[in-house]
All heavy atoms as atom14 arrays in JSON, in Angstrom:
{
  "sequence": "EEDISKCRTFEELPKNAQDYILAVEKLSGCRISAI",
  "atom14_mask": [
    [1, 1, 1, 1, 1, 1, 1, 1, 1, 0, 0, 0, 0, 0],
    [1, 1, 1, 1, 1, 1, 1, 1, 1, 0, 0, 0, 0, 0],
    [1, 1, 1, 1, 1, 1, 1, 1, 0, 0, 0, 0, 0, 0],
    [1, 1, 1, 1, 1, 1, 1, 1, 0, 0, 0, 0, 0, 0],
    [1, 1, 1, 1, 1, 1, 0, 0, 0, 0, 0, 0, 0, 0],
    [1, 1, 1, 1, 1, 1, 1, 1, 1, 0, 0, 0, 0, 0],
    [1, 1, 1, 1, 1, 1, 0, 0, 0, 0, 0, 0, 0, 0],
    [1, 1, 1, 1, 1, 1, 1, 1, 1, 1, 1, 0, 0, 0],
    [1, 1, 1, 1, 1, 1, 1, 0, 0, 0, 0, 0, 0, 0],
    [1, 1, 1, 1, 1, 1, 1, 1, 1, 1, 1, 0, 0, 0],
    [1, 1, 1, 1, 1, 1, 1, 1, 1, 0, 0, 0, 0, 0],
    [1, 1, 1, 1, 1, 1, 1, 1, 1, 0, 0, 0, 0, 0],
    [1, 1, 1, 1, 1, 1, 1, 1, 0, 0, 0, 0, 0, 0],
    [1, 1, 1, 1, 1, 1, 1, 0, 0, 0, 0, 0, 0, 0],
    [1, 1, 1, 1, 1, 1, 1, 1, 1, 0, 0, 0, 0, 0],
    [1, 1, 1, 1, 1, 1, 1, 1, 0, 0, 0, 0, 0, 0],
    [1, 1, 1, 1, 1, 0, 0, 0, 0, 0, 0, 0, 0, 0],
    [1, 1, 1, 1, 1, 1, 1, 1, 1, 0, 0, 0, 0, 0],
    [1, 1, 1, 1, 1, 1, 1, 1, 0, 0, 0, 0, 0, 0],
    [1, 1, 1, 1, 1, 1, 1, 1, 1, 1, 1, 1, 0, 0],
    [1, 1, 1, 1, 1, 1, 1, 1, 0, 0, 0, 0, 0, 0],
    [1, 1, 1, 1, 1, 1, 1, 1, 0, 0, 0, 0, 0, 0],
    [1, 1, 1, 1, 1, 0, 0, 0, 0, 0, 0, 0, 0, 0],
    [1, 1, 1, 1, 1, 1, 1, 0, 0, 0, 0, 0, 0, 0],
    [1, 1, 1, 1, 1, 1, 1, 1, 1, 0, 0, 0, 0, 0],
    [1, 1, 1, 1, 1, 1, 1, 1, 1, 0, 0, 0, 0, 0],
    [1, 1, 1, 1, 1, 1, 1, 1, 0, 0, 0, 0, 0, 0],
    [1, 1, 1, 1, 1, 1, 0, 0, 0, 0, 0, 0, 0, 0],
    [1, 1, 1, 1, 0, 0, 0, 0, 0, 0, 0, 0, 0, 0],
    [1, 1, 1, 1, 1, 1, 0, 0, 0, 0, 0, 0, 0, 0],
    [1, 1, 1, 1, 1, 1, 1, 1, 1, 1, 1, 0, 0, 0],
    [1, 1, 1, 1, 1, 1, 1, 1, 0, 0, 0, 0, 0, 0],
    [1, 1, 1, 1, 1, 1, 0, 0, 0, 0, 0, 0, 0, 0],
    [1, 1, 1, 1, 1, 0, 0, 0, 0, 0, 0, 0, 0, 0],
    [1, 1, 1, 1, 1, 1, 1, 1, 0, 0, 0, 0, 0, 0]
  ],
  "atom14_positions": [
    [[-18.69, -36.06, -35.67], [-17.87, -35.8, -36.85], [-16.67, -36.74, -36.95], [-16.11, -36.92, -38.03], [-17.35, -34.35, -36.82], [-18.43, -33.29, -36.96], [-19.01, -33.22, -38.37], [-18.34, -33.7, -39.33], [-20.12, -32.68, -38.53], [0.0, 0.0, 0.0], [0.0, 0.0, 0.0], [0.0, 0.0, 0.0], [0.0, 0.0, 0.0], [0.0, 0.0, 0.0]],
    [[-16.26, -37.34, -35.83], [-15.05, -38.15, -35.78], [-15.17, -39.43, -36.63], [-16.23, -40.04, -36.71], [-14.73, -38.56, -34.34], [-14.49, -37.38, -33.41], [-15.76, -36.92, -32.69], [-16.89, -37.07, -33.25], [-15.61, -36.41, -31.57], [0.0, 0.0, 0.0], [0.0, 0.0, 0.0], [0.0, 0.0, 0.0], [0.0, 0.0, 0.0], [0.0, 0.0, 0.0]],
    [[-14.06, -39.82, -37.26], [-13.97, -41.09, -37.99], [-13.99, -42.24, -36.98], [-13.13, -42.3, -36.1], [-12.69, -41.12, -38.83], [-12.51, -42.42, -39.6], [-13.47, -43.23, -39.67], [-11.4, -42.66, -40.12], [0.0, 0.0, 0.0], [0.0, 0.0, 0.0], [0.0, 0.0, 0.0], [0.0, 0.0, 0.0], [0.0, 0.0, 0.0], [0.0, 0.0, 0.0]],
    [[-14.95, -43.15, -37.11], [-15.06, -44.24, -36.14], [-14.61, -45.58, -36.71], [-14.68, -46.61, -36.04], [-16.5, -44.38, -35.59], [-17.49, -44.76, -36.71], [-16.95, -43.09, -34.91], [-18.89, -45.13, -36.2], [0.0, 0.0, 0.0], [0.0, 0.0, 0.0], [0.0, 0.0, 0.0], [0.0, 0.0, 0.0], [0.0, 0.0, 0.0], [0.0, 0.0, 0.0]],
    [[-14.14, -45.59, -37.95], [-13.83, -46.85, -38.63], [-12.67, -47.62, -37.97], [-12.55, -48.83, -38.18], [-13.52, -46.61, -40.11], [-12.38, -45.78, -40.26], [0.0, 0.0, 0.0], [0.0, 0.0, 0.0], [0.0, 0.0, 0.0], [0.0, 0.0, 0.0], [0.0, 0.0, 0.0], [0.0, 0.0, 0.0], [0.0, 0.0, 0.0], [0.0, 0.0, 0.0]],
    [[-11.85, -46.93, -37.19], [-10.72, -47.59, -36.54], [-11.04, -47.97, -35.08], [-10.2, -48.59, -34.41], [-9.48, -46.69, -36.56], [-9.0, -46.3, -37.96], [-8.46, -47.5, -38.73], [-7.75, -47.11, -40.02], [-8.66, -46.49, -41.01], [0.0, 0.0, 0.0], [0.0, 0.0, 0.0], [0.0, 0.0, 0.0], [0.0, 0.0, 0.0], [0.0, 0.0, 0.0]],
    [[-12.21, -47.62, -34.6], [-12.59, -47.95, -33.22], [-12.81, -49.46, -33.09], [-13.45, -50.07, -33.95], [-13.86, -47.22, -32.81], [-13.73, -45.43, -32.8], [0.0, 0.0, 0.0], [0.0, 0.0, 0.0], [0.0, 0.0, 0.0], [0.0, 0.0, 0.0], [0.0, 0.0, 0.0], [0.0, 0.0, 0.0], [0.0, 0.0, 0.0], [0.0, 0.0, 0.0]],
    [[-12.29, -50.04, -32.02], [-12.47, -51.47, -31.77], [-13.05, -51.76, -30.39], [-13.27, -52.92, -30.04], [-11.14, -52.21, -31.95], [-10.6, -52.18, -33.4], [-11.53, -52.85, -34.37], [-11.07, -52.79, -35.74], [-11.44, -51.85, -36.63], [-12.3, -50.88, -36.27], [-10.99, -51.85, -37.86], [0.0, 0.0, 0.0], [0.0, 0.0, 0.0], [0.0, 0.0, 0.0]],
    [[-13.24, -50.73, -29.59], [-13.92, -50.88, -28.32], [-15.02, -49.82, -28.24], [-14.94, -48.77, -28.9], [-12.98, -50.7, -27.11], [-12.51, -49.35, -27.06], [-11.8, -51.67, -27.22], [0.0, 0.0, 0.0], [0.0, 0.0, 0.0], [0.0, 0.0, 0.0], [0.0, 0.0, 0.0], [0.0, 0.0, 0.0], [0.0, 0.0, 0.0], [0.0, 0.0, 0.0]],
    [[-16.01, -50.1, -27.42], [-17.12, -49.17, -27.28], [-16.65, -47.82, -26.74], [-17.11, -46.76, -27.16], [-18.18, -49.77, -26.34], [-19.44, -48.96, -26.24], [-20.32, -48.88, -27.31], [-19.76, -48.28, -25.07], [-21.49, -48.12, -27.22], [-20.92, -47.53, -24.97], [-21.78, -47.45, -26.05], [0.0, 0.0, 0.0], [0.0, 0.0, 0.0], [0.0, 0.0, 0.0]],
    [[-15.67, -47.88, -25.83], [-15.17, -46.66, -25.19], [-14.43, -45.75, -26.17], [-14.31, -44.55, -25.93], [-14.25, -47.04, -24.02], [-14.96, -47.69, -22.83], [-15.46, -49.1, -23.13], [-14.84, -49.78, -24.0], [-16.44, -49.52, -22.49], [0.0, 0.0, 0.0], [0.0, 0.0, 0.0], [0.0, 0.0, 0.0], [0.0, 0.0, 0.0], [0.0, 0.0, 0.0]],
    [[-13.93, -46.33, -27.27], [-13.23, -45.51, -28.27], [-14.19, -44.69, -29.13], [-13.76, -43.75, -29.8], [-12.38, -46.41, -29.17], [-11.16, -47.02, -28.49], [-10.42, -47.98, -29.4], [-11.04, -48.69, -30.22], [-9.18, -48.03, -29.29], [0.0, 0.0, 0.0], [0.0, 0.0, 0.0], [0.0, 0.0, 0.0], [0.0, 0.0, 0.0], [0.0, 0.0, 0.0]],
    [[-15.44, -45.03, -29.15], [-16.42, -44.28, -29.94], [-16.61, -42.88, -29.35], [-16.5, -42.68, -28.13], [-17.78, -44.99, -29.94], [-17.9, -46.29, -30.74], [-19.25, -46.95, -30.47], [-17.74, -46.03, -32.24], [0.0, 0.0, 0.0], [0.0, 0.0, 0.0], [0.0, 0.0, 0.0], [0.0, 0.0, 0.0], [0.0, 0.0, 0.0], [0.0, 0.0, 0.0]],
    [[-16.9, -41.88, -30.2], [-17.25, -40.56, -29.67], [-18.44, -40.66, -28.72], [-19.29, -41.55, -28.86], [-17.62, -39.76, -30.93], [-17.02, -40.53, -32.07], [-16.97, -41.94, -31.67], [0.0, 0.0, 0.0], [0.0, 0.0, 0.0], [0.0, 0.0, 0.0], [0.0, 0.0, 0.0], [0.0, 0.0, 0.0], [0.0, 0.0, 0.0], [0.0, 0.0, 0.0]],
    [[-18.51, -39.73, -27.77], [-19.58, -39.77, -26.76], [-20.96, -39.8, -27.4], [-21.84, -40.57, -26.99], [-19.45, -38.55, -25.86], [-20.54, -38.39, -24.78], [-20.43, -39.47, -23.74], [-21.24, -39.14, -22.48], [-22.64, -38.81, -22.72], [0.0, 0.0, 0.0], [0.0, 0.0, 0.0], [0.0, 0.0, 0.0], [0.0, 0.0, 0.0], [0.0, 0.0, 0.0]],
    [[-21.18, -39.01, -28.44], [-22.5, -38.98, -29.09], [-22.83, -40.31, -29.77], [-23.99, -40.71, -29.8], [-22.57, -37.83, -30.09], [-22.7, -36.47, -29.41], [-22.88, -36.39, -28.19], [-22.6, -35.41, -30.19], [0.0, 0.0, 0.0], [0.0, 0.0, 0.0], [0.0, 0.0, 0.0], [0.0, 0.0, 0.0], [0.0, 0.0, 0.0], [0.0, 0.0, 0.0]],
    [[-21.82, -40.97, -30.33], [-22.05, -42.29, -30.94], [-22.39, -43.32, -29.87], [-23.26, -44.18, -30.07], [-20.81, -42.73, -31.73], [0.0, 0.0, 0.0], [0.0, 0.0, 0.0], [0.0, 0.0, 0.0], [0.0, 0.0, 0.0], [0.0, 0.0, 0.0], [0.0, 0.0, 0.0], [0.0, 0.0, 0.0], [0.0, 0.0, 0.0], [0.0, 0.0, 0.0]],
    [[-21.71, -43.25, -28.74], [-22.04, -44.13, -27.62], [-23.47, -43.9, -27.15], [-24.23, -44.86, -26.93], [-21.08, -43.88, -26.45], [-19.64, -44.29, -26.69], [-18.77, -44.1, -25.45], [-19.24, -44.26, -24.33], [-17.51, -43.75, -25.65], [0.0, 0.0, 0.0], [0.0, 0.0, 0.0], [0.0, 0.0, 0.0], [0.0, 0.0, 0.0], [0.0, 0.0, 0.0]],
    [[-23.84, -42.64, -27.01], [-25.19, -42.31, -26.55], [-26.25, -42.8, -27.54], [-27.32, -43.26, -27.13], [-25.32, -40.79, -26.35], [-24.52, -40.28, -25.17], [-24.09, -41.11, -24.33], [-24.3, -39.05, -25.09], [0.0, 0.0, 0.0], [0.0, 0.0, 0.0], [0.0, 0.0, 0.0], [0.0, 0.0, 0.0], [0.0, 0.0, 0.0], [0.0, 0.0, 0.0]],
    [[-25.94, -42.67, -28.84], [-26.87, -43.15, -29.87], [-27.11, -44.65, -29.72], [-28.26, -45.12, -29.71], [-26.33, -42.83, -31.26], [-27.22, -43.31, -32.4], [-28.35, -42.6, -32.77], [-26.92, -44.48, -33.1], [-29.17, -43.03, -33.81], [-27.73, -44.92, -34.14], [-28.85, -44.2, -34.48], [-29.67, -44.64, -35.51], [0.0, 0.0, 0.0], [0.0, 0.0, 0.0]],
    [[-26.03, -45.42, -29.56], [-26.14, -46.87, -29.42], [-26.92, -47.23, -28.15], [-27.82, -48.09, -28.18], [-24.74, -47.53, -29.39], [-24.09, -47.44, -30.77], [-24.82, -48.99, -28.93], [-24.76, -48.22, -31.86], [0.0, 0.0, 0.0], [0.0, 0.0, 0.0], [0.0, 0.0, 0.0], [0.0, 0.0, 0.0], [0.0, 0.0, 0.0], [0.0, 0.0, 0.0]],
    [[-26.62, -46.57, -27.04], [-27.3, -46.87, -25.78], [-28.79, -46.53, -25.87], [-29.64, -47.26, -25.34], [-26.65, -46.1, -24.63], [-25.21, -46.54, -24.29], [-24.59, -45.61, -23.25], [-25.18, -47.99, -23.8], [0.0, 0.0, 0.0], [0.0, 0.0, 0.0], [0.0, 0.0, 0.0], [0.0, 0.0, 0.0], [0.0, 0.0, 0.0], [0.0, 0.0, 0.0]],
    [[-29.12, -45.44, -26.54], [-30.53, -45.04, -26.71], [-31.27, -46.03, -27.58], [-32.39, -46.46, -27.25], [-30.61, -43.63, -27.29], [0.0, 0.0, 0.0], [0.0, 0.0, 0.0], [0.0, 0.0, 0.0], [0.0, 0.0, 0.0], [0.0, 0.0, 0.0], [0.0, 0.0, 0.0], [0.0, 0.0, 0.0], [0.0, 0.0, 0.0], [0.0, 0.0, 0.0]],
    [[-30.67, -46.39, -28.71], [-31.28, -47.34, -29.63], [-31.44, -48.71, -28.94], [-32.45, -49.39, -29.11], [-30.42, -47.45, -30.91], [-30.78, -48.7, -31.7], [-30.63, -46.22, -31.79], [0.0, 0.0, 0.0], [0.0, 0.0, 0.0], [0.0, 0.0, 0.0], [0.0, 0.0, 0.0], [0.0, 0.0, 0.0], [0.0, 0.0, 0.0], [0.0, 0.0, 0.0]],
    [[-30.44, -49.1, -28.15], [-30.52, -50.37, -27.42], [-31.73, -50.38, -26.49], [-32.49, -51.36, -26.44], [-29.23, -50.58, -26.62], [-29.17, -51.89, -25.86], [-27.81, -52.08, -25.18], [-27.46, -51.23, -24.33], [-27.12, -53.05, -25.48], [0.0, 0.0, 0.0], [0.0, 0.0, 0.0], [0.0, 0.0, 0.0], [0.0, 0.0, 0.0], [0.0, 0.0, 0.0]],
    [[-31.91, -49.3, -25.74], [-33.04, -49.21, -24.81], [-34.37, -49.25, -25.54], [-35.34, -49.86, -25.07], [-32.9, -47.91, -24.01], [-33.9, -47.78, -22.87], [-33.65, -46.52, -22.05], [-34.67, -46.4, -20.92], [-34.45, -45.16, -20.12], [0.0, 0.0, 0.0], [0.0, 0.0, 0.0], [0.0, 0.0, 0.0], [0.0, 0.0, 0.0], [0.0, 0.0, 0.0]],
    [[-34.42, -48.63, -26.71], [-35.66, -48.57, -27.48], [-35.99, -49.88, -28.19], [-37.15, -50.13, -28.53], [-35.57, -47.46, -28.54], [-35.63, -46.01, -28.05], [-35.14, -45.08, -29.13], [-37.06, -45.67, -27.63], [0.0, 0.0, 0.0], [0.0, 0.0, 0.0], [0.0, 0.0, 0.0], [0.0, 0.0, 0.0], [0.0, 0.0, 0.0], [0.0, 0.0, 0.0]],
    [[-34.98, -50.74, -28.43], [-35.13, -51.9, -29.3], [-35.49, -53.2, -28.59], [-35.78, -54.21, -29.23], [-33.85, -52.1, -30.13], [-33.61, -50.94, -30.93], [0.0, 0.0, 0.0], [0.0, 0.0, 0.0], [0.0, 0.0, 0.0], [0.0, 0.0, 0.0], [0.0, 0.0, 0.0], [0.0, 0.0, 0.0], [0.0, 0.0, 0.0], [0.0, 0.0, 0.0]],
    [[-35.42, -53.2, -27.26], [-35.89, -54.37, -26.52], [-34.92, -55.51, -26.4], [-35.31, -56.62, -26.01], [0.0, 0.0, 0.0], [0.0, 0.0, 0.0], [0.0, 0.0, 0.0], [0.0, 0.0, 0.0], [0.0, 0.0, 0.0], [0.0, 0.0, 0.0], [0.0, 0.0, 0.0], [0.0, 0.0, 0.0], [0.0, 0.0, 0.0], [0.0, 0.0, 0.0]],
    [[-33.65, -55.26, -26.72], [-32.65, -56.32, -26.63], [-31.25, -55.69, -26.64], [-31.07, -54.61, -27.22], [-32.79, -57.3, -27.79], [-31.61, -58.67, -27.74], [0.0, 0.0, 0.0], [0.0, 0.0, 0.0], [0.0, 0.0, 0.0], [0.0, 0.0, 0.0], [0.0, 0.0, 0.0], [0.0, 0.0, 0.0], [0.0, 0.0, 0.0], [0.0, 0.0, 0.0]],
    [[-30.28, -56.37, -26.02], [-28.94, -55.81, -25.97], [-28.3, -55.77, -27.36], [-28.56, -56.6, -28.22], [-28.05, -56.63, -25.02], [-27.67, -58.0, -25.54], [-26.81, -58.75, -24.53], [-26.27, -59.99, -25.1], [-25.5, -60.84, -24.45], [-25.18, -60.6, -23.18], [-25.03, -61.93, -25.06], [0.0, 0.0, 0.0], [0.0, 0.0, 0.0], [0.0, 0.0, 0.0]],
    [[-27.47, -54.76, -27.58], [-26.66, -54.67, -28.8], [-25.28, -55.24, -28.48], [-24.52, -54.67, -27.7], [-26.57, -53.22, -29.3], [-27.97, -52.74, -29.77], [-25.57, -53.1, -30.45], [-28.04, -51.27, -30.14], [0.0, 0.0, 0.0], [0.0, 0.0, 0.0], [0.0, 0.0, 0.0], [0.0, 0.0, 0.0], [0.0, 0.0, 0.0], [0.0, 0.0, 0.0]],
    [[-24.97, -56.38, -29.08], [-23.76, -57.11, -28.72], [-22.57, -56.8, -29.62], [-21.43, -57.05, -29.25], [-24.03, -58.62, -28.72], [-24.94, -58.93, -27.68], [0.0, 0.0, 0.0], [0.0, 0.0, 0.0], [0.0, 0.0, 0.0], [0.0, 0.0, 0.0], [0.0, 0.0, 0.0], [0.0, 0.0, 0.0], [0.0, 0.0, 0.0], [0.0, 0.0, 0.0]],
    [[-22.83, -56.29, -30.82], [-21.73, -55.94, -31.73], [-22.15, -54.75, -32.59], [-23.33, -54.57, -32.88], [-21.35, -57.13, -32.61], [0.0, 0.0, 0.0], [0.0, 0.0, 0.0], [0.0, 0.0, 0.0], [0.0, 0.0, 0.0], [0.0, 0.0, 0.0], [0.0, 0.0, 0.0], [0.0, 0.0, 0.0], [0.0, 0.0, 0.0], [0.0, 0.0, 0.0]],
    [[-21.14, -53.95, -32.97], [-21.4, -52.72, -33.72], [-20.46, -52.67, -34.92], [-19.23, -52.65, -34.75], [-21.16, -51.48, -32.83], [-22.0, -51.56, -31.56], [-21.46, -50.2, -33.61], [-21.49, -50.65, -30.44], [0.0, 0.0, 0.0], [0.0, 0.0, 0.0], [0.0, 0.0, 0.0], [0.0, 0.0, 0.0], [0.0, 0.0, 0.0], [0.0, 0.0, 0.0]]
  ]
}
């Protein structure tokens, strides 16, 4: 639910948003370098 538009580091993202990115990264076959 948190507003992420002001986040500038990965660690600032909500835990669920971090988990989503990490899961998608693993599924996609290549590192995600920018969000």
